[in-house]
Protein backbone atom coordinates (compact mmCIF):
# COMPACT_ATOMS: atom_id res chain seq x y z
CA UNK A 1 -17.10 27.32 -16.50
CA UNK A 2 -14.77 26.64 -19.40
CA UNK A 3 -13.72 23.34 -17.78
CA UNK A 4 -17.33 22.28 -17.23
CA UNK A 5 -18.31 23.15 -20.79
CA UNK A 6 -15.30 21.30 -22.15
CA UNK A 7 -16.06 18.30 -19.95
CA UNK A 8 -19.61 18.07 -21.26
CA UNK A 9 -18.45 18.52 -24.83
CA UNK A 10 -15.98 15.69 -24.49
CA UNK A 11 -18.50 13.01 -23.55
CA UNK A 12 -22.16 13.53 -24.52
CA UNK A 13 -22.33 10.10 -26.11
CA UNK A 14 -20.81 8.51 -23.04
CA UNK A 15 -23.30 10.27 -20.77
CA UNK A 16 -26.28 9.16 -22.87
CA UNK A 17 -25.03 5.58 -23.04
CA UNK A 18 -24.59 5.29 -19.31
CA UNK A 19 -27.92 6.94 -18.49
CA UNK A 20 -29.73 4.79 -21.08
CA UNK A 21 -28.47 1.70 -19.32
CA UNK A 22 -29.63 3.10 -15.99
CA UNK A 23 -33.20 3.72 -17.15
CA UNK A 24 -33.88 -0.01 -17.21
CA UNK A 25 -32.63 -0.51 -13.66
CA UNK A 26 -35.04 -1.46 -10.88
CA UNK A 27 -35.71 1.72 -8.92
CA UNK A 28 -34.59 0.16 -5.63
CA UNK A 29 -31.17 -0.72 -7.10
CA UNK A 30 -30.56 2.52 -9.00
CA UNK A 31 -27.92 4.89 -7.66
CA UNK A 32 -28.20 8.60 -7.08
CA UNK A 33 -25.45 8.99 -9.68
CA UNK A 34 -27.65 7.39 -12.31
CA UNK A 35 -30.69 9.44 -11.38
CA UNK A 36 -28.62 12.63 -11.59
CA UNK A 37 -27.25 11.77 -15.02
CA UNK A 38 -23.86 11.06 -13.40
CA UNK A 39 -23.36 14.66 -12.40
CA UNK A 40 -23.55 13.74 -8.70
CA UNK A 41 -22.72 10.90 -6.36
CA UNK A 42 -24.80 9.81 -3.39
CA UNK A 43 -24.07 10.17 0.31
CA UNK A 44 -23.00 7.21 2.41
CA UNK A 45 -26.52 6.35 3.57
CA UNK A 46 -27.06 5.18 -0.01
CA UNK A 47 -24.37 2.51 0.44
CA UNK A 48 -26.20 1.22 3.51
CA UNK A 49 -29.52 1.20 1.66
CA UNK A 50 -28.23 -0.37 -1.57
CA UNK A 51 -26.28 -3.03 0.30
CA UNK A 52 -29.52 -4.25 1.91
CA UNK A 53 -31.61 -3.73 -1.24
CA UNK A 54 -29.26 -5.93 -3.28
CA UNK A 55 -29.48 -8.63 -0.62
CA UNK A 56 -33.30 -8.42 -0.63
CA UNK A 57 -33.49 -8.49 -4.42
CA UNK A 58 -31.04 -11.41 -4.73
CA UNK A 59 -31.31 -13.40 -1.47
CA UNK A 60 -29.52 -16.46 -2.87
CA UNK A 61 -26.74 -14.49 -4.51
CA UNK A 62 -25.93 -11.50 -2.31
CA UNK A 63 -25.21 -10.88 1.34
CA UNK A 64 -24.85 -7.46 2.95
CA UNK A 65 -22.07 -7.73 5.51
CA UNK A 66 -20.86 -5.21 8.11
CA UNK A 67 -17.13 -5.65 8.67
CA UNK A 68 -16.15 -2.73 10.86
CA UNK A 69 -17.07 0.62 12.35
CA UNK A 70 -15.31 3.91 11.73
CA UNK A 71 -13.94 6.27 14.41
CA UNK A 72 -17.04 8.43 13.89
CA UNK A 73 -19.29 5.43 14.45
CA UNK A 74 -20.40 4.61 10.91
CA UNK A 75 -20.74 0.98 9.80
CA UNK A 76 -18.47 -0.30 7.04
CA UNK A 77 -20.39 -2.38 4.50
CA UNK A 78 -19.31 -5.09 2.07
CA UNK A 79 -21.51 -6.84 -0.49
CA UNK A 80 -20.70 -10.53 -0.98
CA UNK A 81 -22.00 -11.77 -4.32
CA UNK A 82 -21.80 -15.11 -6.11
CA UNK A 83 -24.08 -17.22 -8.28
CA UNK A 84 -22.30 -20.33 -7.01
CA UNK A 85 -24.15 -20.47 -3.70
CA UNK A 86 -20.92 -19.84 -1.75
CA UNK A 87 -21.54 -16.71 0.30
CA UNK A 88 -19.25 -17.35 3.28
CA UNK A 89 -15.47 -17.64 3.42
CA UNK A 90 -15.78 -21.26 4.52
CA UNK A 91 -18.07 -22.12 1.60
CA UNK A 92 -15.81 -20.36 -0.90
CA UNK A 93 -12.73 -22.16 0.38
CA UNK A 94 -14.47 -25.56 0.41
CA UNK A 95 -15.56 -25.04 -3.19
CA UNK A 96 -12.09 -23.93 -4.27
CA UNK A 97 -13.54 -20.71 -5.66
CA UNK A 98 -11.32 -17.67 -6.24
CA UNK A 99 -12.36 -14.59 -4.26
CA UNK A 100 -12.24 -11.16 -5.90
CA UNK A 101 -12.01 -8.15 -3.59
CA UNK A 102 -12.94 -4.80 -5.16
CA UNK A 103 -12.74 -1.68 -3.03
CA UNK A 104 -13.83 1.84 -3.88
CA UNK A 105 -13.34 5.09 -2.07
CA UNK A 106 -10.11 4.46 -0.20
CA UNK A 107 -9.61 8.09 -1.24
CA UNK A 108 -13.21 9.17 -0.89
CA UNK A 109 -12.97 12.06 -3.34
CA UNK A 110 -12.03 9.53 -6.03
CA UNK A 111 -15.43 7.92 -5.91
CA UNK A 112 -16.34 6.43 -9.29
CA UNK A 113 -15.47 2.98 -7.94
CA UNK A 114 -18.57 3.11 -5.73
CA UNK A 115 -20.99 4.09 -8.50
CA UNK A 116 -19.38 1.87 -11.14
CA UNK A 117 -19.25 -1.08 -8.77
CA UNK A 118 -22.97 -0.96 -8.06
CA UNK A 119 -23.66 -0.71 -11.80
CA UNK A 120 -21.40 -3.65 -12.60
CA UNK A 121 -22.82 -5.79 -9.81
CA UNK A 122 -26.40 -5.20 -10.92
CA UNK A 123 -25.58 -6.12 -14.50
CA UNK A 124 -23.60 -9.20 -13.46
CA UNK A 125 -26.50 -10.46 -11.35
CA UNK A 126 -28.95 -9.99 -14.20
CA UNK A 127 -27.44 -12.90 -16.12
CA UNK A 128 -25.58 -16.14 -15.36
CA UNK A 129 -21.93 -15.53 -15.98
CA UNK A 130 -18.73 -14.54 -14.24
CA UNK A 131 -20.20 -14.70 -10.73
CA UNK A 132 -20.83 -18.43 -11.10
CA UNK A 133 -17.07 -19.01 -11.00
CA UNK A 134 -15.96 -16.73 -8.14
CA UNK A 135 -17.05 -14.85 -5.07
CA UNK A 136 -17.04 -11.06 -5.30
CA UNK A 137 -16.47 -9.07 -2.11
CA UNK A 138 -17.33 -5.47 -3.00
CA UNK A 139 -16.55 -2.63 -0.59
CA UNK A 140 -18.20 0.44 -2.17
CA UNK A 141 -16.53 2.92 0.21
CA UNK A 142 -13.49 2.08 2.31
CA UNK A 143 -12.86 5.56 3.73
CA UNK A 144 -16.38 6.06 5.08
CA UNK A 145 -15.82 9.06 7.37
CA UNK A 146 -13.81 10.77 4.64
CA UNK A 147 -16.71 10.15 2.25
CA UNK A 148 -18.99 12.17 4.50
CA UNK A 149 -16.62 15.13 4.57
CA UNK A 150 -18.56 16.15 1.50
CA UNK A 151 -17.85 19.25 -0.57
CA UNK A 152 -17.75 20.77 -4.02
CA UNK A 153 -14.04 21.63 -4.03
CA UNK A 154 -12.50 18.59 -2.35
CA UNK A 155 -10.87 17.64 -5.66
CA UNK A 156 -10.23 20.88 -7.62
CA UNK A 157 -8.14 19.02 -10.22
CA UNK A 158 -10.98 16.67 -11.16
CA UNK A 159 -14.03 16.95 -13.44
CA UNK A 160 -17.02 15.86 -11.44
CA UNK A 161 -19.01 14.82 -9.61
CA UNK A 162 -20.44 18.08 -8.32
CA UNK A 163 -19.57 17.12 -4.73
CA UNK A 164 -17.40 14.36 -3.34
CA UNK A 165 -15.68 13.16 -0.18
CA UNK A 166 -12.22 13.82 1.26
CA UNK A 167 -8.93 12.02 0.71
CA UNK A 168 -8.18 11.08 4.31
CA UNK A 169 -10.08 9.63 7.25
CA UNK A 170 -11.59 11.55 10.16
CA UNK A 171 -8.27 10.93 11.95
CA UNK A 172 -6.50 12.49 8.93
CA UNK A 173 -4.87 9.19 7.97
CA UNK A 174 -4.36 8.21 4.36
CA UNK A 175 -5.59 4.61 4.18
CA UNK A 176 -3.49 3.96 1.10
CA UNK A 177 -0.38 4.54 3.19
CA UNK A 178 -1.57 2.26 5.99
CA UNK A 179 -1.65 -1.35 4.77
CA UNK A 180 1.56 -2.41 6.48
CA UNK A 181 1.45 -0.37 9.68
CA UNK A 182 -2.37 -0.66 9.97
CA UNK A 183 -2.84 2.26 12.36
CA UNK A 184 -6.36 3.19 11.25
CA UNK A 185 -9.35 1.31 12.67
CA UNK A 186 -10.69 1.17 9.11
CA UNK A 187 -7.55 -0.61 7.91
CA UNK A 188 -7.68 -3.05 10.79
CA UNK A 189 -11.26 -3.87 9.78
CA UNK A 190 -10.19 -4.32 6.16
CA UNK A 191 -7.36 -6.66 7.14
CA UNK A 192 -9.81 -8.76 9.14
CA UNK A 193 -11.97 -8.99 6.02
CA UNK A 194 -8.91 -9.98 3.97
CA UNK A 195 -7.85 -12.60 6.51
CA UNK A 196 -11.33 -14.12 6.49
CA UNK A 197 -11.79 -14.25 2.71
CA UNK A 198 -8.16 -14.56 1.51
CA UNK A 199 -8.92 -12.90 -1.84
CA UNK A 200 -6.97 -14.16 -4.84
CA UNK A 201 -7.18 -10.72 -6.45
CA UNK A 202 -7.65 -7.31 -4.88
CA UNK A 203 -8.64 -4.28 -6.96
CA UNK A 204 -8.18 -0.75 -5.62
CA UNK A 205 -10.17 1.87 -7.58
CA UNK A 206 -8.77 5.41 -7.77
CA UNK A 207 -8.61 8.60 -9.83
CA UNK A 208 -5.27 10.16 -10.81
CA UNK A 209 -3.92 13.52 -9.89
CA UNK A 210 -1.65 15.36 -12.25
CA UNK A 211 -1.31 16.57 -15.80
CA UNK A 212 -3.67 16.85 -18.73
CA UNK A 213 -3.24 14.29 -21.50
CA UNK A 214 -5.33 11.95 -23.66
CA UNK A 215 -4.73 8.62 -21.88
CA UNK A 216 -7.79 7.87 -19.80
CA UNK A 217 -6.85 5.09 -17.38
CA UNK A 218 -3.83 3.35 -15.88
CA UNK A 219 -3.83 -0.29 -14.75
CA UNK A 220 -0.92 -1.43 -12.56
CA UNK A 221 -0.54 -4.96 -11.18
CA UNK A 222 1.83 -6.81 -8.89
CA UNK A 223 3.26 -9.39 -9.01
CA UNK A 224 4.69 -8.31 -12.35
CA UNK A 225 8.04 -6.81 -11.37
CA UNK A 226 8.19 -8.14 -7.81
CA UNK A 227 6.93 -11.02 -5.71
CA UNK A 228 6.94 -14.74 -6.43
CA UNK A 229 8.48 -15.21 -9.88
CA UNK A 230 6.14 -17.99 -11.01
CA UNK A 231 3.11 -15.96 -9.94
CA UNK A 232 4.25 -13.02 -12.08
CA UNK A 233 2.94 -14.78 -15.20
CA UNK A 234 -0.56 -14.62 -13.73
CA UNK A 235 -0.05 -10.96 -12.84
CA UNK A 236 0.99 -10.08 -16.38
CA UNK A 237 -1.87 -12.07 -17.89
CA UNK A 238 -4.38 -10.32 -15.63
CA UNK A 239 -3.01 -6.82 -16.29
CA UNK A 240 -2.65 -7.32 -20.03
CA UNK A 241 -6.10 -8.93 -20.28
CA UNK A 242 -7.79 -5.96 -18.60
CA UNK A 243 -5.83 -3.47 -20.73
CA UNK A 244 -6.71 -5.38 -23.90
CA UNK A 245 -10.43 -5.28 -23.07
CA UNK A 246 -10.34 -1.59 -22.25
CA UNK A 247 -8.51 -0.83 -25.47
CA UNK A 248 -11.06 -2.85 -27.45
CA UNK A 249 -13.80 -0.62 -26.00
CA UNK A 250 -12.08 2.55 -27.16
CA UNK A 251 -9.97 3.26 -24.08
CA UNK A 252 -6.41 4.55 -24.01
CA UNK A 253 -4.99 2.55 -21.07
CA UNK A 254 -1.48 2.64 -19.62
CA UNK A 255 0.39 -0.06 -17.66
CA UNK A 256 2.20 2.47 -15.42
CA UNK A 257 1.24 5.45 -13.27
CA UNK A 258 1.58 8.61 -15.42
CA UNK A 259 3.28 10.88 -12.91
CA UNK A 260 6.16 12.95 -14.27
CA UNK A 261 9.64 12.54 -12.84
CA UNK A 262 9.70 16.33 -12.42
CA UNK A 263 6.36 17.64 -11.31
CA UNK A 264 4.64 19.76 -13.98
CA UNK A 265 7.31 19.01 -16.60
CA UNK A 266 6.11 16.54 -19.27
CA UNK A 267 9.55 16.41 -20.92
CA UNK A 268 10.97 14.71 -17.82
CA UNK A 269 9.01 11.57 -18.66
CA UNK A 270 8.05 8.77 -16.31
CA UNK A 271 9.60 6.35 -13.83
CA UNK A 272 7.83 3.06 -13.18
CA UNK A 273 8.29 1.53 -9.75
CA UNK A 274 7.27 -1.16 -7.29
CA UNK A 275 5.22 0.21 -4.42
CA UNK A 276 6.20 -0.60 -0.83
CA UNK A 277 3.57 -2.40 1.26
CA UNK A 278 2.03 0.76 2.67
CA UNK A 279 0.14 0.74 -0.66
CA UNK A 280 -2.41 -1.88 -1.71
CA UNK A 281 -0.46 -3.23 -4.68
CA UNK A 282 2.71 -3.42 -2.60
CA UNK A 283 0.87 -5.22 0.17
CA UNK A 284 -1.07 -8.00 -1.53
CA UNK A 285 1.97 -9.20 -3.46
CA UNK A 286 3.60 -9.96 -0.08
CA UNK A 287 0.62 -12.22 0.65
CA UNK A 288 1.32 -14.08 -2.64
CA UNK A 289 -1.86 -12.66 -4.14
CA UNK A 290 -2.62 -10.40 -7.10
CA UNK A 291 -3.14 -6.69 -6.50
CA UNK A 292 -4.40 -4.16 -9.05
CA UNK A 293 -4.34 -0.37 -8.83
CA UNK A 294 -6.78 1.32 -11.22
CA UNK A 295 -6.42 5.04 -11.87
CA UNK A 296 -8.92 6.75 -14.14
CA UNK A 297 -7.83 10.15 -15.45
CA UNK A 298 -9.12 12.98 -13.29
CA UNK A 299 -9.68 15.34 -16.22
CA UNK A 300 -12.13 12.99 -17.93
CA UNK A 301 -15.76 13.83 -17.07
CA UNK A 302 -17.37 11.81 -14.30
CA UNK A 303 -19.76 9.86 -16.59
CA UNK A 304 -16.76 8.75 -18.65
CA UNK A 305 -14.81 7.69 -15.57
CA UNK A 306 -17.75 5.73 -14.15
CA UNK A 307 -18.25 3.92 -17.44
CA UNK A 308 -14.58 3.06 -17.77
CA UNK A 309 -14.35 1.88 -14.17
CA UNK A 310 -17.37 -0.34 -14.75
CA UNK A 311 -15.67 -1.76 -17.85
CA UNK A 312 -12.59 -2.46 -15.73
CA UNK A 313 -14.65 -4.28 -13.09
CA UNK A 314 -16.34 -6.34 -15.81
CA UNK A 315 -12.96 -7.23 -17.32
CA UNK A 316 -11.56 -8.24 -13.93
CA UNK A 317 -14.53 -10.49 -13.19
CA UNK A 318 -14.43 -12.08 -16.66
CA UNK A 319 -10.72 -12.88 -16.40
CA UNK A 320 -11.01 -14.30 -12.89
CA UNK A 321 -13.96 -16.42 -14.03
CA UNK A 322 -11.85 -17.85 -16.85
CA UNK A 323 -8.45 -18.17 -15.18
CA UNK A 324 -9.14 -17.85 -11.47
CA UNK A 325 -8.84 -21.51 -10.49
CA UNK A 326 -5.53 -21.84 -12.33
CA UNK A 327 -4.24 -18.62 -10.76
CA UNK A 328 -5.41 -19.82 -7.35
CA UNK A 329 -3.33 -22.97 -7.79
CA UNK A 330 -0.31 -20.80 -8.63
CA UNK A 331 -0.94 -18.69 -5.53
CA UNK A 332 -1.06 -21.80 -3.32
CA UNK A 333 2.24 -22.94 -4.81
CA UNK A 334 3.66 -19.47 -4.10
CA UNK A 335 2.52 -19.87 -0.49
CA UNK A 336 4.54 -23.06 -0.22
CA UNK A 337 7.61 -21.43 -1.76
CA UNK A 338 7.33 -18.44 0.58
CA UNK A 339 7.51 -20.79 3.56
CA UNK A 340 10.96 -21.86 2.28
CA UNK A 341 12.42 -18.39 1.65
CA UNK A 342 16.18 -18.08 1.91
CA UNK A 343 16.46 -14.41 0.90
CA UNK A 344 14.19 -11.52 -0.05
CA UNK A 345 14.48 -8.08 -1.68
CA UNK A 346 13.04 -5.58 0.77
CA UNK A 347 12.89 -2.82 -1.83
CA UNK A 348 13.09 -2.29 -5.58
CA UNK A 349 15.07 0.24 -7.56
CA UNK A 350 14.33 1.74 -10.97
CA UNK A 351 17.41 2.12 -13.16
CA UNK A 352 18.11 5.48 -14.79
CA UNK A 353 18.35 4.18 -18.36
CA UNK A 354 15.21 4.95 -20.32
CA UNK A 355 13.44 4.05 -23.51
CA UNK A 356 11.44 6.53 -25.58
CA UNK A 357 7.68 6.03 -25.88
CA UNK A 358 4.92 7.78 -27.78
CA UNK A 359 2.58 9.31 -25.23
CA UNK A 360 -0.75 10.82 -26.21
CA UNK A 361 -0.84 14.33 -24.82
CA UNK A 362 -1.87 17.84 -25.82
CA UNK A 363 0.04 20.82 -27.08
CA UNK A 364 1.46 22.75 -24.16
CA UNK A 365 3.68 25.68 -23.28
CA UNK A 366 6.02 26.24 -20.34
CA UNK A 367 6.45 29.90 -19.52
CA UNK A 368 7.26 31.85 -16.35
CA UNK A 369 4.30 32.53 -14.09
CA UNK A 370 3.72 36.03 -12.78
CA UNK A 371 1.98 34.40 -9.78
CA UNK A 372 4.50 31.81 -8.58
CA UNK A 373 7.58 33.00 -10.44
CA UNK A 374 8.22 29.43 -11.59
CA UNK A 375 7.82 27.83 -14.98
CA UNK A 376 4.17 26.92 -15.44
CA UNK A 377 2.81 24.30 -17.84
CA UNK A 378 -0.35 25.24 -19.71
CA UNK A 379 -2.17 22.60 -21.78
CA UNK A 380 -4.40 23.14 -24.80
CA UNK A 381 -6.95 20.30 -24.86
CA UNK A 382 -8.19 21.39 -28.30
CA UNK A 383 -4.85 20.37 -29.86
CA UNK A 384 -3.99 16.66 -29.42
CA UNK A 385 -0.31 15.89 -29.68
CA UNK A 386 2.02 12.91 -29.43
CA UNK A 387 4.80 13.39 -26.92
CA UNK A 388 8.00 11.41 -27.25
CA UNK A 389 9.02 10.89 -23.64
CA UNK A 390 11.54 8.81 -21.68
CA UNK A 391 10.12 5.91 -19.69
CA UNK A 392 12.36 4.38 -17.04
CA UNK A 393 10.90 0.94 -16.44
CA UNK A 394 13.85 -1.33 -15.71
CA UNK A 395 13.32 -2.33 -12.10
CA UNK A 396 15.78 -4.41 -10.10
CA UNK A 397 15.80 -5.84 -6.56
CA UNK A 398 17.31 -3.72 -3.80
CA UNK A 399 18.18 -4.33 -0.12
CA UNK A 400 18.34 -8.09 -0.61
CA UNK A 401 18.44 -9.68 2.82
CA UNK A 402 19.04 -13.31 3.82
CA UNK A 403 16.11 -14.83 5.67
CA UNK A 404 16.53 -16.20 9.19
CA UNK A 405 16.57 -19.98 9.10
CA UNK A 406 13.90 -20.30 11.78
CA UNK A 407 12.31 -16.91 12.40
CA UNK A 408 12.19 -13.93 14.71
CA UNK A 409 11.98 -13.49 18.48
CA UNK A 410 10.01 -10.57 19.87
CA UNK A 411 10.91 -10.01 23.55
CA UNK A 412 8.12 -10.08 26.12
CA UNK A 413 8.25 -6.32 26.71
CA UNK A 414 7.10 -5.77 23.11
CA UNK A 415 5.02 -8.92 22.71
CA UNK A 416 1.68 -7.26 23.45
CA UNK A 417 1.57 -4.65 20.72
CA UNK A 418 3.67 -6.58 18.19
CA UNK A 419 1.51 -9.68 18.66
CA UNK A 420 -1.60 -7.57 18.11
CA UNK A 421 -0.10 -6.15 14.91
CA UNK A 422 0.95 -9.56 13.60
CA UNK A 423 -2.52 -10.94 14.33
CA UNK A 424 -4.10 -8.09 12.37
CA UNK A 425 -2.19 -9.30 9.33
CA UNK A 426 -3.00 -12.97 9.94
CA UNK A 427 0.64 -13.82 10.68
CA UNK A 428 1.17 -16.95 12.76
CA UNK A 429 3.28 -16.78 15.92
CA UNK A 430 3.59 -18.55 19.26
CA UNK A 431 4.20 -17.32 22.80
CA UNK A 432 7.05 -18.87 24.79
CA UNK A 433 5.76 -20.35 28.04
CA UNK A 434 9.25 -20.39 29.53
CA UNK A 435 12.19 -18.04 29.19
CA UNK A 436 15.40 -18.94 27.40
CA UNK A 437 18.89 -18.15 28.66
CA UNK A 438 22.14 -17.97 26.74
CA UNK A 439 20.31 -18.32 23.46
CA UNK A 440 22.28 -18.12 20.21
CA UNK A 441 20.66 -15.32 18.19
CA UNK A 442 21.39 -12.67 15.60
CA UNK A 443 21.02 -9.10 16.83
CA UNK A 444 20.80 -5.89 14.78
CA UNK A 445 22.68 -2.90 16.12
CA UNK A 446 22.15 0.41 14.38
CA UNK A 447 25.26 2.34 13.42
CA UNK A 448 23.23 5.28 12.12
CA UNK A 449 19.72 6.45 12.97
CA UNK A 450 18.13 9.06 10.70
CA UNK A 451 14.75 10.45 11.68
CA UNK A 452 12.42 12.42 9.44
CA UNK A 453 12.19 16.12 10.17
CA UNK A 454 8.39 15.92 10.34
CA UNK A 455 5.94 13.16 11.06
CA UNK A 456 4.43 11.22 8.18
CA UNK A 457 0.95 9.78 8.66
CA UNK A 458 1.23 10.83 12.30
CA UNK A 459 4.44 8.88 12.91
CA UNK A 460 8.15 9.71 12.71
CA UNK A 461 9.92 7.91 9.91
CA UNK A 462 13.20 6.26 10.91
CA UNK A 463 15.94 5.03 8.58
CA UNK A 464 18.25 2.56 10.30
CA UNK A 465 21.70 1.57 9.11
CA UNK A 466 23.37 -1.42 10.71
CA UNK A 467 23.86 -5.16 10.45
CA UNK A 468 22.87 -8.45 12.02
CA UNK A 469 25.60 -10.22 13.96
CA UNK A 470 25.74 -13.31 16.20
CA UNK A 471 25.18 -12.72 19.90
CA UNK A 472 24.14 -14.69 22.95
CA UNK A 473 21.09 -13.25 24.70
CA UNK A 474 18.37 -14.27 27.12
CA UNK A 475 14.67 -13.80 26.43
CA UNK A 476 11.95 -13.94 29.09
CA UNK A 477 8.80 -16.02 29.16
CA UNK A 478 6.01 -14.42 27.17
CA UNK A 479 8.28 -13.58 24.26
CA UNK A 480 6.98 -14.33 20.77
CA UNK A 481 8.49 -16.67 18.23
CA UNK A 482 7.46 -15.78 14.68
CA UNK A 483 8.34 -18.69 12.38
CA UNK A 484 9.37 -17.90 8.83
CA UNK A 485 7.98 -21.22 7.62
CA UNK A 486 4.55 -19.84 6.80
CA UNK A 487 2.82 -18.50 3.66
CA UNK A 488 3.11 -14.88 4.84
CA UNK A 489 6.90 -15.06 5.22
CA UNK A 490 7.41 -12.17 2.77
CA UNK A 491 5.17 -9.98 4.87
CA UNK A 492 6.88 -11.13 8.08
CA UNK A 493 10.27 -10.00 6.78
CA UNK A 494 8.89 -6.69 5.54
CA UNK A 495 7.47 -5.95 8.98
CA UNK A 496 10.35 -7.20 11.15
CA UNK A 497 13.52 -6.52 9.16
CA UNK A 498 14.44 -3.12 10.64
CA UNK A 499 15.55 -1.48 7.37
CA UNK A 500 12.59 -2.56 5.26
CA UNK A 501 10.75 0.51 3.88
CA UNK A 502 7.56 -0.16 5.84
CA UNK A 503 8.92 -2.15 8.75
CA UNK A 504 7.44 -1.50 12.17
CA UNK A 505 10.81 0.03 13.07
CA UNK A 506 10.72 2.32 10.02
CA UNK A 507 7.41 3.75 11.29
CA UNK A 508 8.99 4.60 14.65
CA UNK A 509 7.37 1.80 16.64
CA UNK A 510 10.69 0.85 18.30
CA UNK A 511 11.99 4.40 18.51
CA UNK A 512 12.80 4.31 22.23
CA UNK A 513 15.47 1.68 21.56
CA UNK A 514 17.43 4.29 19.61
CA UNK A 515 17.29 7.03 22.25
CA UNK A 516 20.04 7.46 24.83
CA UNK A 517 18.56 7.44 28.33
CA UNK A 518 21.60 7.40 30.62
CA UNK A 519 24.33 10.04 30.55
CA UNK A 520 27.64 10.78 32.27
CA UNK A 521 28.11 14.36 33.40
CA UNK A 522 31.08 16.07 31.68
CA UNK A 523 33.11 16.45 34.87
CA UNK A 524 32.68 12.73 35.58
CA UNK A 525 33.47 11.79 31.98
CA UNK A 526 36.59 13.95 32.19
CA UNK A 527 37.85 12.00 35.20
CA UNK A 528 36.96 8.67 33.57
CA UNK A 529 38.87 9.70 30.45
CA UNK A 530 42.01 10.54 32.42
CA UNK A 531 41.90 7.22 34.23
CA UNK A 532 41.44 5.30 30.96
CA UNK A 533 44.26 7.17 29.25
CA UNK A 534 46.61 6.48 32.15
CA UNK A 535 45.71 2.78 32.15
CA UNK A 536 45.98 2.16 28.40
CA UNK A 537 48.72 3.58 26.15
CA UNK A 538 46.94 1.92 23.20
CA UNK A 539 43.76 3.83 23.94
CA UNK A 540 45.74 7.05 24.28
CA UNK A 541 47.29 6.47 20.86
CA UNK A 542 43.88 5.74 19.35
CA UNK A 543 42.50 8.95 20.86
CA UNK A 544 45.36 11.06 19.49
CA UNK A 545 44.97 9.50 16.03
CA UNK A 546 41.25 10.30 16.06
CA UNK A 547 41.98 13.90 17.02
CA UNK A 548 44.47 14.17 14.17
CA UNK A 549 42.40 12.47 11.45
CA UNK A 550 38.82 13.56 12.25
CA UNK A 551 38.36 17.35 12.43
CA UNK A 552 34.67 17.07 13.36
CA UNK A 553 35.55 14.78 16.25
CA UNK A 554 38.35 17.07 17.38
CA UNK A 555 35.99 20.07 17.38
CA UNK A 556 33.25 18.34 19.40
CA UNK A 557 33.56 18.15 23.16
CA UNK A 558 30.56 15.82 23.24
CA UNK A 559 32.10 13.34 20.81
CA UNK A 560 35.47 13.42 22.60
CA UNK A 561 33.92 12.58 25.97
CA UNK A 562 31.63 9.97 24.39
CA UNK A 563 34.75 8.24 23.05
CA UNK A 564 35.64 7.35 26.63
CA UNK A 565 32.11 6.86 27.94
CA UNK A 566 31.49 4.13 25.36
CA UNK A 567 34.43 2.20 26.78
CA UNK A 568 33.21 2.45 30.37
CA UNK A 569 31.11 -0.26 32.13
CA UNK A 570 28.32 2.30 32.66
CA UNK A 571 27.68 2.53 28.94
CA UNK A 572 24.22 1.23 27.91
CA UNK A 573 24.97 -1.82 25.75
CA UNK A 574 21.34 -1.87 24.59
CA UNK A 575 21.46 1.58 23.00
CA UNK A 576 20.71 1.21 19.28
CA UNK A 577 19.99 -2.50 19.75
CA UNK A 578 16.90 -3.40 17.73
CA UNK A 579 14.71 -5.35 20.18
CA UNK A 580 13.65 -8.06 17.72
CA UNK A 581 16.11 -10.93 17.29
CA UNK A 582 16.63 -13.54 14.58
CA UNK A 583 17.15 -17.23 15.29
CA UNK A 584 18.31 -20.13 13.17
CA UNK A 585 16.53 -22.77 15.28
CA UNK A 586 13.21 -22.97 17.06
CA UNK A 587 13.87 -21.57 20.57
């Protein structure tokens, strides 16, 4: 009750301003959130209804488009809106119009994107303006099944609405960990939408978790630290332009995600980072496009968060209307540069050195808890304070890998599922009609395979250590050649380089290649060892040296017998061989 009273006390003016704007709305286009005074959000049937009502009210400017169906059978809806007359991907591309993708509800408990998006769209359509210079593709709810797992306590660390959806899908997958691996049917539908429209900018609307402080929104964009260097100027201009507009309207925006280095310890400060492509902002930058993550602050009341999200959407549309064609030209140039990649960072690392920033927080104490026994942070929202905190925001490339001169070869035995995955991302490849023998390739052999103790997103995580080296191998007909000379080359490398953070291999999709299938019984291995020792004094000397210098080896019967098995013709030379190959010439 104290939280609810405090929430209402913090924003009566905001609530009245938002509701006053809603009173003038046509009844058919008003949301349940507006009618409830922004204390509630509607169920998913409202998205279906409003999608069609907007199309009926604005037949020349809006189309209601189904783009997928969830595992529980619900349709996924997108609203396509433009005052240019271009309401299909083909028309938008012919007109050279930038496409803006805005998605709400990827985490369906963080749902202000849905209600704010409908508000912003209605107001944009009421006057000629930003929608004359772009096409908006608005997905009110991405995680549809999760939205309908509706409850009052799905987000206990959030002020409003009274009920909301769930973070994950009906299959318990987190869609904002799924962009690269694309396991979820919902993500596969989203990628098809992305491939069709090729949005210049993609905006992902969220609500933070975490601490209590005064800052009310965070706006993060890539490319800024990563991606095509020339395109980073557009990323910075877009991020800074949105932040400037929010600040001018009284907001307290941040350009980084405000998550403490040590959970629940404000003094530990912050570490900025570049997200891997399992996340939206880490994914779109690999397509040479602009991605924005918006995080309103969960402890702000729901009316406040809806208003601020609507302001963010308005700012995004205004900036794309002004700069979109110029940014689109930069993106096309980045496509051309990507097709000529010679090397690529597969990851990014934040340096430990920090600078001190003033951060708007509240007075707090950290005292032992009689419940958990740990130090517990308690905030006093009646006492604003300025925290001086370290911010680590120097980010440098990591795992820089040379690009193959021609591309990758996926052997026929993996061509079916890998080809399906590549096609989901819009990556171009070709199928070899005839096999190739004695082909000069580069092969990756793992020298260490580290598997996660538990599955993550339903899959085992695998960290591979090894190196590419020249080999001569044969590949059968039906194998895939994936050329690097294409606009999505950055994404190709992030999926097919085995030690990339979100590679197919890192998500366990090639796991069988790193499992030993054939064994030699100990009594057989013993006999083989004696024969090898008798035949090779050099091998005997090597064995004795290993016994002397490696105590772990000396203590392990398994390792000692494996020493000889690896040198026997029966040894599986494909064990720990990554199935995908690199080639320097078209096969």
